[in-house]
Amino acid sequence: MNQQTKKLALWTWSWVATLAVATFGPKFIWDDHRFLTVFAIVVNLTNGVLMIIANKRFFNSLDELQRKIHLESLAITLGLAVIAGLSFSLLDQTNLIPFDAEIGYLVGFIGITYMIALVINRKKYA
C-alpha cells in the first residue's frame, strides 16, 4: 500500500468518525447544545475538504491505466447516482414507496456502484 493510499484511508476514516460525532453527538453526548453541534459540523466539513485533497493526491499518484479505470468508474457512478437519486426522490415525493428517500440510501448506492464499476473496469483493462 503506497503512502497516498494510507493518507486517503486515514482522512476517510477521520471524516467518517467526525460525521458520526456530528450525527450522534447532539442527541447522545451534548444534549443538543447548539455551539457544539455547529462546531462538530464545521470539523466534519473541514475533514471532508481534507479528504477530498487526499483523494486528489491519491489519483495523481496512480499510473495512467489506474487513473483511466477510476475515472471511468467515477463517471458511471456519477451518472447512475444522479439518475437513481432523482428517481428515488420522485418515488418518495409521489408516495410510491412506503418510506422516506433518505440520503443514506443514495450514499450506499454510490459506494456499491463505484465498487462494482471498479471491478468491471479492472477486468476490462487487465
N, C-alpha and C. Protein backbone atom coordinates (compact mmCIF):
# COMPACT_ATOMS: atom_id res chain seq x y z
N MET A 1 0.86 -1.18 0.00
CA MET A 1 0.00 0.00 0.00
C MET A 1 0.90 1.23 0.00
N ASN A 2 0.70 2.11 -0.96
CA ASN A 2 1.58 3.28 -1.04
C ASN A 2 1.16 4.36 -0.04
N GLN A 3 2.00 5.37 0.08
CA GLN A 3 1.80 6.44 1.06
C GLN A 3 0.50 7.22 0.83
N GLN A 4 0.17 7.50 -0.44
CA GLN A 4 -1.06 8.25 -0.74
C GLN A 4 -2.31 7.45 -0.38
N THR A 5 -2.25 6.14 -0.57
CA THR A 5 -3.38 5.29 -0.20
C THR A 5 -3.59 5.31 1.31
N LYS A 6 -2.51 5.25 2.07
CA LYS A 6 -2.61 5.30 3.53
C LYS A 6 -3.17 6.63 4.00
N LYS A 7 -2.71 7.72 3.39
CA LYS A 7 -3.22 9.04 3.77
C LYS A 7 -4.70 9.17 3.43
N LEU A 8 -5.09 8.67 2.27
CA LEU A 8 -6.50 8.71 1.89
C LEU A 8 -7.34 7.90 2.87
N ALA A 9 -6.87 6.72 3.24
CA ALA A 9 -7.59 5.89 4.21
C ALA A 9 -7.72 6.62 5.55
N LEU A 10 -6.65 7.25 5.99
CA LEU A 10 -6.67 7.99 7.26
C LEU A 10 -7.68 9.13 7.22
N TRP A 11 -7.67 9.92 6.15
CA TRP A 11 -8.60 11.03 6.05
C TRP A 11 -10.04 10.55 5.88
N THR A 12 -10.22 9.44 5.17
CA THR A 12 -11.58 8.91 5.00
C THR A 12 -12.14 8.45 6.34
N TRP A 13 -11.35 7.70 7.10
CA TRP A 13 -11.83 7.23 8.41
C TRP A 13 -12.00 8.38 9.38
N SER A 14 -11.15 9.39 9.27
CA SER A 14 -11.30 10.58 10.11
C SER A 14 -12.61 11.29 9.79
N TRP A 15 -12.92 11.40 8.49
CA TRP A 15 -14.17 12.04 8.09
C TRP A 15 -15.37 11.22 8.59
N VAL A 16 -15.32 9.91 8.46
CA VAL A 16 -16.41 9.05 8.94
C VAL A 16 -16.60 9.23 10.45
N ALA A 17 -15.49 9.28 11.18
CA ALA A 17 -15.58 9.45 12.64
C ALA A 17 -16.19 10.80 13.00
N THR A 18 -15.76 11.87 12.32
CA THR A 18 -16.32 13.19 12.64
C THR A 18 -17.78 13.29 12.19
N LEU A 19 -18.14 12.57 11.13
CA LEU A 19 -19.55 12.52 10.72
C LEU A 19 -20.39 11.84 11.80
N ALA A 20 -19.87 10.75 12.36
CA ALA A 20 -20.58 10.05 13.44
C ALA A 20 -20.76 10.95 14.65
N VAL A 21 -19.70 11.68 15.01
CA VAL A 21 -19.79 12.59 16.16
C VAL A 21 -20.81 13.69 15.88
N ALA A 22 -20.77 14.27 14.68
CA ALA A 22 -21.71 15.33 14.33
C ALA A 22 -23.15 14.82 14.27
N THR A 23 -23.32 13.56 13.87
CA THR A 23 -24.66 12.98 13.75
C THR A 23 -25.23 12.59 15.11
N PHE A 24 -24.44 11.89 15.91
CA PHE A 24 -24.96 11.33 17.16
C PHE A 24 -24.63 12.16 18.40
N GLY A 25 -23.65 13.06 18.29
CA GLY A 25 -23.26 13.89 19.43
C GLY A 25 -24.39 14.72 20.02
N PRO A 26 -25.14 15.43 19.17
CA PRO A 26 -26.21 16.27 19.74
C PRO A 26 -27.22 15.50 20.58
N LYS A 27 -27.50 14.29 20.21
CA LYS A 27 -28.52 13.51 20.93
C LYS A 27 -27.93 12.74 22.12
N PHE A 28 -26.73 12.15 21.94
CA PHE A 28 -26.21 11.23 22.95
C PHE A 28 -25.07 11.79 23.80
N ILE A 29 -24.43 12.88 23.37
CA ILE A 29 -23.27 13.36 24.12
C ILE A 29 -23.51 14.73 24.74
N TRP A 30 -23.96 15.71 23.95
CA TRP A 30 -24.05 17.06 24.47
C TRP A 30 -25.46 17.65 24.48
N ASP A 31 -26.47 16.85 24.42
CA ASP A 31 -27.85 17.26 24.63
C ASP A 31 -28.26 18.49 23.81
N ASP A 32 -28.05 18.40 22.49
CA ASP A 32 -28.47 19.43 21.54
C ASP A 32 -27.89 20.82 21.79
N HIS A 33 -26.72 20.89 22.39
CA HIS A 33 -26.06 22.19 22.59
C HIS A 33 -25.70 22.76 21.22
N ARG A 34 -26.24 23.91 20.90
CA ARG A 34 -26.14 24.49 19.55
C ARG A 34 -24.68 24.73 19.12
N PHE A 35 -23.88 25.35 19.98
CA PHE A 35 -22.49 25.65 19.62
C PHE A 35 -21.72 24.37 19.33
N LEU A 36 -21.86 23.36 20.19
CA LEU A 36 -21.12 22.11 19.99
C LEU A 36 -21.57 21.40 18.71
N THR A 37 -22.85 21.49 18.39
CA THR A 37 -23.36 20.88 17.17
C THR A 37 -22.77 21.58 15.94
N VAL A 38 -22.79 22.90 15.94
CA VAL A 38 -22.22 23.65 14.82
C VAL A 38 -20.73 23.37 14.71
N PHE A 39 -20.04 23.34 15.83
CA PHE A 39 -18.60 23.06 15.84
C PHE A 39 -18.31 21.68 15.26
N ALA A 40 -19.08 20.68 15.66
CA ALA A 40 -18.89 19.32 15.13
C ALA A 40 -19.12 19.27 13.63
N ILE A 41 -20.11 20.00 13.15
CA ILE A 41 -20.39 20.03 11.70
C ILE A 41 -19.26 20.73 10.96
N VAL A 42 -18.73 21.81 11.51
CA VAL A 42 -17.61 22.51 10.88
C VAL A 42 -16.37 21.62 10.85
N VAL A 43 -16.11 20.91 11.94
CA VAL A 43 -14.98 19.97 11.97
C VAL A 43 -15.17 18.89 10.92
N ASN A 44 -16.39 18.37 10.79
CA ASN A 44 -16.67 17.35 9.78
C ASN A 44 -16.49 17.90 8.38
N LEU A 45 -16.98 19.10 8.14
CA LEU A 45 -16.82 19.74 6.83
C LEU A 45 -15.34 19.94 6.50
N THR A 46 -14.57 20.39 7.47
CA THR A 46 -13.13 20.58 7.27
C THR A 46 -12.46 19.25 6.96
N ASN A 47 -12.82 18.21 7.71
CA ASN A 47 -12.28 16.88 7.43
C ASN A 47 -12.66 16.41 6.04
N GLY A 48 -13.87 16.72 5.61
CA GLY A 48 -14.32 16.36 4.27
C GLY A 48 -13.47 17.01 3.19
N VAL A 49 -13.17 18.29 3.37
CA VAL A 49 -12.33 19.00 2.41
C VAL A 49 -10.93 18.38 2.37
N LEU A 50 -10.38 18.08 3.54
CA LEU A 50 -9.05 17.45 3.59
C LEU A 50 -9.07 16.05 2.97
N MET A 51 -10.19 15.35 3.13
CA MET A 51 -10.32 14.04 2.48
C MET A 51 -10.34 14.18 0.97
N ILE A 52 -11.00 15.20 0.46
CA ILE A 52 -11.03 15.45 -0.99
C ILE A 52 -9.63 15.75 -1.50
N ILE A 53 -8.86 16.54 -0.76
CA ILE A 53 -7.48 16.83 -1.16
C ILE A 53 -6.66 15.55 -1.17
N ALA A 54 -6.83 14.69 -0.16
CA ALA A 54 -6.13 13.41 -0.12
C ALA A 54 -6.55 12.53 -1.29
N ASN A 55 -7.82 12.58 -1.65
CA ASN A 55 -8.33 11.80 -2.79
C ASN A 55 -7.67 12.28 -4.08
N LYS A 56 -7.57 13.59 -4.25
CA LYS A 56 -6.93 14.14 -5.45
C LYS A 56 -5.47 13.71 -5.51
N ARG A 57 -4.77 13.76 -4.40
CA ARG A 57 -3.37 13.34 -4.37
C ARG A 57 -3.24 11.85 -4.67
N PHE A 58 -4.20 11.06 -4.16
CA PHE A 58 -4.19 9.63 -4.45
C PHE A 58 -4.32 9.39 -5.95
N PHE A 59 -5.29 10.06 -6.59
CA PHE A 59 -5.47 9.88 -8.03
C PHE A 59 -4.25 10.33 -8.81
N ASN A 60 -3.63 11.41 -8.38
CA ASN A 60 -2.43 11.88 -9.06
C ASN A 60 -1.25 10.94 -8.90
N SER A 61 -1.28 10.09 -7.88
CA SER A 61 -0.18 9.13 -7.67
C SER A 61 -0.35 7.86 -8.50
N LEU A 62 -1.51 7.67 -9.12
CA LEU A 62 -1.78 6.47 -9.92
C LEU A 62 -1.13 6.57 -11.29
N ASP A 63 -0.86 5.41 -11.89
CA ASP A 63 -0.38 5.42 -13.27
C ASP A 63 -1.56 5.69 -14.21
N GLU A 64 -1.26 5.85 -15.49
CA GLU A 64 -2.31 6.23 -16.46
C GLU A 64 -3.46 5.22 -16.53
N LEU A 65 -3.14 3.93 -16.52
CA LEU A 65 -4.18 2.92 -16.62
C LEU A 65 -5.09 2.94 -15.39
N GLN A 66 -4.49 3.00 -14.21
CA GLN A 66 -5.31 3.03 -13.00
C GLN A 66 -6.17 4.29 -12.95
N ARG A 67 -5.60 5.41 -13.38
CA ARG A 67 -6.37 6.66 -13.43
C ARG A 67 -7.56 6.53 -14.36
N LYS A 68 -7.34 5.88 -15.52
CA LYS A 68 -8.42 5.67 -16.50
C LYS A 68 -9.51 4.79 -15.91
N ILE A 69 -9.11 3.72 -15.23
CA ILE A 69 -10.06 2.80 -14.60
C ILE A 69 -10.92 3.55 -13.58
N HIS A 70 -10.28 4.34 -12.73
CA HIS A 70 -11.03 5.09 -11.71
C HIS A 70 -11.90 6.16 -12.34
N LEU A 71 -11.39 6.85 -13.35
CA LEU A 71 -12.18 7.90 -14.00
C LEU A 71 -13.44 7.33 -14.64
N GLU A 72 -13.31 6.22 -15.34
CA GLU A 72 -14.49 5.59 -15.94
C GLU A 72 -15.46 5.11 -14.87
N SER A 73 -14.93 4.55 -13.80
CA SER A 73 -15.79 4.09 -12.71
C SER A 73 -16.52 5.26 -12.05
N LEU A 74 -15.82 6.37 -11.87
CA LEU A 74 -16.45 7.55 -11.29
C LEU A 74 -17.51 8.13 -12.21
N ALA A 75 -17.25 8.11 -13.52
CA ALA A 75 -18.23 8.64 -14.48
C ALA A 75 -19.52 7.82 -14.44
N ILE A 76 -19.37 6.50 -14.42
CA ILE A 76 -20.55 5.62 -14.33
C ILE A 76 -21.29 5.87 -13.02
N THR A 77 -20.54 5.96 -11.93
CA THR A 77 -21.14 6.16 -10.62
C THR A 77 -21.88 7.49 -10.54
N LEU A 78 -21.28 8.55 -11.05
CA LEU A 78 -21.93 9.86 -11.02
C LEU A 78 -23.23 9.84 -11.81
N GLY A 79 -23.19 9.30 -13.01
CA GLY A 79 -24.40 9.24 -13.84
C GLY A 79 -25.50 8.44 -13.18
N LEU A 80 -25.16 7.26 -12.67
CA LEU A 80 -26.17 6.43 -12.02
C LEU A 80 -26.69 7.07 -10.73
N ALA A 81 -25.81 7.75 -10.00
CA ALA A 81 -26.24 8.39 -8.75
C ALA A 81 -27.25 9.51 -9.03
N VAL A 82 -27.00 10.30 -10.05
CA VAL A 82 -27.93 11.38 -10.39
C VAL A 82 -29.27 10.79 -10.83
N ILE A 83 -29.23 9.84 -11.75
CA ILE A 83 -30.46 9.25 -12.28
C ILE A 83 -31.22 8.51 -11.18
N ALA A 84 -30.53 7.62 -10.46
CA ALA A 84 -31.19 6.85 -9.41
C ALA A 84 -31.65 7.74 -8.26
N GLY A 85 -30.81 8.72 -7.89
CA GLY A 85 -31.16 9.61 -6.78
C GLY A 85 -32.40 10.43 -7.07
N LEU A 86 -32.46 10.99 -8.27
CA LEU A 86 -33.64 11.79 -8.63
C LEU A 86 -34.89 10.92 -8.76
N SER A 87 -34.73 9.74 -9.34
CA SER A 87 -35.87 8.81 -9.46
C SER A 87 -36.36 8.38 -8.07
N PHE A 88 -35.42 8.10 -7.18
CA PHE A 88 -35.76 7.70 -5.81
C PHE A 88 -36.50 8.83 -5.10
N SER A 89 -36.04 10.06 -5.30
CA SER A 89 -36.71 11.22 -4.71
C SER A 89 -38.13 11.38 -5.26
N LEU A 90 -38.28 11.19 -6.56
CA LEU A 90 -39.62 11.27 -7.16
C LEU A 90 -40.55 10.20 -6.60
N LEU A 91 -40.02 8.99 -6.42
CA LEU A 91 -40.84 7.92 -5.83
C LEU A 91 -41.32 8.32 -4.45
N ASP A 92 -40.45 8.99 -3.68
CA ASP A 92 -40.82 9.44 -2.35
C ASP A 92 -41.85 10.58 -2.42
N GLN A 93 -41.59 11.56 -3.28
CA GLN A 93 -42.49 12.72 -3.39
C GLN A 93 -43.90 12.32 -3.84
N THR A 94 -43.99 11.30 -4.66
CA THR A 94 -45.30 10.86 -5.17
C THR A 94 -45.89 9.75 -4.31
N ASN A 95 -45.23 9.46 -3.19
CA ASN A 95 -45.68 8.43 -2.24
C ASN A 95 -45.83 7.05 -2.87
N LEU A 96 -44.96 6.73 -3.81
CA LEU A 96 -44.99 5.40 -4.42
C LEU A 96 -44.13 4.40 -3.65
N ILE A 97 -43.37 4.88 -2.66
CA ILE A 97 -42.64 4.00 -1.76
C ILE A 97 -43.12 4.29 -0.34
N PRO A 98 -43.17 3.27 0.50
CA PRO A 98 -43.75 3.46 1.84
C PRO A 98 -42.77 4.02 2.88
N PHE A 99 -41.64 4.56 2.45
CA PHE A 99 -40.64 5.10 3.37
C PHE A 99 -40.04 6.35 2.76
N ASP A 100 -39.29 7.10 3.57
CA ASP A 100 -38.66 8.32 3.08
C ASP A 100 -37.38 8.00 2.32
N ALA A 101 -37.11 8.75 1.28
CA ALA A 101 -35.89 8.60 0.49
C ALA A 101 -34.76 9.33 1.21
N GLU A 102 -34.16 8.67 2.16
CA GLU A 102 -33.08 9.25 2.96
C GLU A 102 -31.79 9.26 2.16
N ILE A 103 -30.92 10.22 2.45
CA ILE A 103 -29.65 10.37 1.74
C ILE A 103 -28.74 9.16 1.95
N GLY A 104 -28.88 8.50 3.08
CA GLY A 104 -28.04 7.31 3.36
C GLY A 104 -28.21 6.22 2.31
N TYR A 105 -29.43 6.07 1.79
CA TYR A 105 -29.64 5.08 0.74
C TYR A 105 -28.84 5.43 -0.51
N LEU A 106 -28.82 6.71 -0.85
CA LEU A 106 -28.07 7.15 -2.03
C LEU A 106 -26.57 6.98 -1.81
N VAL A 107 -26.09 7.30 -0.63
CA VAL A 107 -24.66 7.13 -0.33
C VAL A 107 -24.28 5.65 -0.45
N GLY A 108 -25.10 4.77 0.09
CA GLY A 108 -24.85 3.34 -0.05
C GLY A 108 -24.85 2.90 -1.50
N PHE A 109 -25.81 3.40 -2.26
CA PHE A 109 -25.89 3.09 -3.70
C PHE A 109 -24.64 3.55 -4.42
N ILE A 110 -24.15 4.73 -4.09
CA ILE A 110 -22.94 5.27 -4.72
C ILE A 110 -21.74 4.37 -4.40
N GLY A 111 -21.59 3.98 -3.15
CA GLY A 111 -20.47 3.13 -2.76
C GLY A 111 -20.49 1.78 -3.47
N ILE A 112 -21.65 1.16 -3.52
CA ILE A 112 -21.79 -0.14 -4.18
C ILE A 112 -21.56 -0.01 -5.68
N THR A 113 -22.12 1.03 -6.28
CA THR A 113 -21.95 1.25 -7.72
C THR A 113 -20.48 1.46 -8.07
N TYR A 114 -19.77 2.25 -7.27
CA TYR A 114 -18.36 2.52 -7.54
C TYR A 114 -17.53 1.24 -7.42
N MET A 115 -17.80 0.44 -6.39
CA MET A 115 -17.06 -0.82 -6.23
C MET A 115 -17.30 -1.76 -7.41
N ILE A 116 -18.55 -1.89 -7.82
CA ILE A 116 -18.86 -2.78 -8.96
C ILE A 116 -18.22 -2.25 -10.24
N ALA A 117 -18.30 -0.94 -10.45
CA ALA A 117 -17.69 -0.35 -11.65
C ALA A 117 -16.18 -0.55 -11.65
N LEU A 118 -15.54 -0.42 -10.51
CA LEU A 118 -14.10 -0.66 -10.42
C LEU A 118 -13.75 -2.09 -10.77
N VAL A 119 -14.50 -3.05 -10.24
CA VAL A 119 -14.24 -4.46 -10.55
C VAL A 119 -14.39 -4.72 -12.03
N ILE A 120 -15.47 -4.23 -12.61
CA ILE A 120 -15.72 -4.44 -14.04
C ILE A 120 -14.61 -3.80 -14.88
N ASN A 121 -14.26 -2.56 -14.55
CA ASN A 121 -13.24 -1.87 -15.33
C ASN A 121 -11.85 -2.49 -15.15
N ARG A 122 -11.55 -2.98 -13.98
CA ARG A 122 -10.25 -3.65 -13.77
C ARG A 122 -10.17 -4.92 -14.61
N LYS A 123 -11.27 -5.66 -14.67
CA LYS A 123 -11.29 -6.86 -15.50
C LYS A 123 -11.20 -6.50 -16.98
N LYS A 124 -11.86 -5.42 -17.35
CA LYS A 124 -11.88 -4.98 -18.75
C LYS A 124 -10.48 -4.61 -19.22
N TYR A 125 -9.69 -3.97 -18.36
CA TYR A 125 -8.36 -3.49 -18.76
C TYR A 125 -7.23 -4.41 -18.30
N ALA A 126 -7.54 -5.52 -17.67
CA ALA A 126 -6.48 -6.43 -17.18
C ALA A 126 -5.84 -7.22 -18.30
